[in-house]
Amino acid sequence: AHAYNALGYSLADRNLRLDEAETLIARALELSPDDPFILDSMGWVRFRRGDSAAALAHLERAYAKRQDAEIAAHLGEVLWSLDRHEDARRVLDKALAAHPENTLLGETARRLGVR
């Protein structure tokens, strides 16, 4: 499951071959449906494909299972894209308090104007 996820996420994160990325991540989810990192990857690929509503469902599940900095950054980004700015701020502020040195989290917050 983790190999499928790693390859799919690396494609999605670079915004490359999103159909293939989603297929790989879907296979990973079949094998490990409750893994927060795989749920995060599916949320991220759905966001990259323009489906923020589907992305949000996966990212909220992932974040509920593990309050990881990268999952928080992705969740904040998707909330922001859905004009849920206060929710995005709340998630990002909480994550930044727990992970103040995380580069992705800090860059996401700055880019969105949260920090």
Protein backbone atom coordinates (compact mmCIF):
# COMPACT_ATOMS: atom_id res chain seq x y z
CA ALA A 1 0.00 0.00 0.00
CA HIS A 2 2.75 2.44 0.92
CA ALA A 3 4.60 1.95 -2.38
CA TYR A 4 1.43 2.71 -4.39
CA ASN A 5 0.79 5.72 -2.19
CA ALA A 6 4.35 7.04 -2.43
CA LEU A 7 4.38 6.91 -6.22
CA GLY A 8 0.86 8.31 -6.56
CA TYR A 9 1.54 11.13 -4.13
CA SER A 10 4.83 12.08 -5.78
CA LEU A 11 2.98 12.46 -9.09
CA ALA A 12 0.08 14.38 -7.54
CA ASP A 13 2.34 16.69 -5.56
CA ARG A 14 4.10 17.67 -8.80
CA ASN A 15 0.74 17.96 -10.60
CA LEU A 16 1.81 15.24 -13.06
CA ARG A 17 -0.19 12.36 -14.60
CA LEU A 18 -3.07 12.90 -12.20
CA ASP A 19 -5.17 10.03 -13.63
CA GLU A 20 -2.33 7.61 -12.95
CA ALA A 21 -1.69 9.17 -9.54
CA GLU A 22 -5.32 8.72 -8.52
CA THR A 23 -5.35 5.10 -9.74
CA LEU A 24 -2.24 4.30 -7.68
CA ILE A 25 -3.59 6.00 -4.57
CA ALA A 26 -6.98 4.30 -4.98
CA ARG A 27 -5.17 0.95 -5.01
CA ALA A 28 -3.32 1.94 -1.83
CA LEU A 29 -6.64 2.89 -0.21
CA GLU A 30 -8.13 -0.50 -1.12
CA LEU A 31 -5.25 -2.15 0.72
CA SER A 32 -5.21 0.23 3.68
CA PRO A 33 -8.47 2.22 3.83
CA ASP A 34 -7.86 3.88 7.20
CA ASP A 35 -4.26 5.01 6.71
CA PRO A 36 -4.22 8.79 7.28
CA PHE A 37 -1.32 9.35 4.89
CA ILE A 38 -3.08 7.52 2.06
CA LEU A 39 -6.31 9.42 2.79
CA ASP A 40 -4.24 12.62 2.63
CA SER A 41 -2.81 11.59 -0.74
CA MET A 42 -6.27 10.89 -2.15
CA GLY A 43 -7.47 14.25 -0.88
CA TRP A 44 -4.49 15.99 -2.45
CA VAL A 45 -4.89 14.32 -5.84
CA ARG A 46 -8.62 15.14 -5.83
CA PHE A 47 -7.77 18.77 -5.04
CA ARG A 48 -5.21 18.85 -7.86
CA ARG A 49 -7.91 17.53 -10.19
CA GLY A 50 -10.26 20.34 -9.18
CA ASP A 51 -12.63 18.40 -6.93
CA SER A 52 -12.28 20.31 -3.67
CA ALA A 53 -15.44 18.83 -2.13
CA ALA A 54 -14.18 15.24 -2.54
CA ALA A 55 -10.72 16.35 -1.43
CA LEU A 56 -12.16 17.83 1.75
CA ALA A 57 -13.87 14.59 2.77
CA HIS A 58 -10.62 12.62 2.49
CA LEU A 59 -8.51 15.29 4.19
CA GLU A 60 -10.91 15.70 7.12
CA ARG A 61 -10.80 11.93 7.70
CA ALA A 62 -7.01 11.95 7.47
CA TYR A 63 -6.65 14.88 9.87
CA ALA A 64 -9.07 13.33 12.37
CA LYS A 65 -6.85 10.24 12.45
CA ARG A 66 -3.50 12.05 12.58
CA GLN A 67 -2.85 15.74 13.10
CA ASP A 68 0.24 15.75 10.91
CA ALA A 69 1.72 19.02 9.61
CA GLU A 70 1.48 18.07 5.94
CA ILE A 71 -2.10 16.83 6.29
CA ALA A 72 -2.94 20.13 8.04
CA ALA A 73 -1.33 22.12 5.22
CA HIS A 74 -3.37 20.25 2.62
CA LEU A 75 -6.58 20.57 4.65
CA GLY A 76 -6.00 24.30 5.14
CA GLU A 77 -5.39 24.78 1.42
CA VAL A 78 -8.59 22.95 0.47
CA LEU A 79 -10.68 24.77 3.08
CA TRP A 80 -9.30 28.06 1.75
CA SER A 81 -10.18 27.09 -1.84
CA LEU A 82 -13.76 26.47 -0.67
CA ASP A 83 -13.91 30.00 0.85
CA ARG A 84 -13.91 28.55 4.37
CA HIS A 85 -11.18 30.96 5.40
CA GLU A 86 -11.86 30.91 9.14
CA ASP A 87 -11.78 27.11 9.21
CA ALA A 88 -8.54 27.16 7.20
CA ARG A 89 -7.01 29.68 9.63
CA ARG A 90 -8.04 27.58 12.62
CA VAL A 91 -6.48 24.40 11.19
CA LEU A 92 -3.28 26.15 10.10
CA ASP A 93 -2.86 28.12 13.33
CA LYS A 94 -3.29 24.97 15.43
CA ALA A 95 -0.85 23.04 13.26
CA LEU A 96 1.70 25.87 13.30
CA ALA A 97 1.53 25.98 17.10
CA ALA A 98 2.32 22.24 17.19
CA HIS A 99 4.83 22.26 14.30
CA PRO A 100 6.35 25.77 14.14
CA GLU A 101 9.38 24.67 12.12
CA ASN A 102 7.49 22.80 9.38
CA THR A 103 8.40 24.44 6.06
CA LEU A 104 5.38 23.30 4.04
CA LEU A 105 2.99 24.44 6.74
CA GLY A 106 4.67 27.84 7.05
CA GLU A 107 4.78 28.36 3.28
CA THR A 108 1.13 27.40 2.90
CA ALA A 109 0.05 29.77 5.69
CA ARG A 110 2.09 32.64 4.20
CA ARG A 111 0.84 32.03 0.66
CA LEU A 112 -2.78 32.06 1.84
CA GLY A 113 -2.18 35.15 3.97
CA VAL A 114 -2.87 33.34 7.23
CA ARG A 115 0.54 34.33 8.64
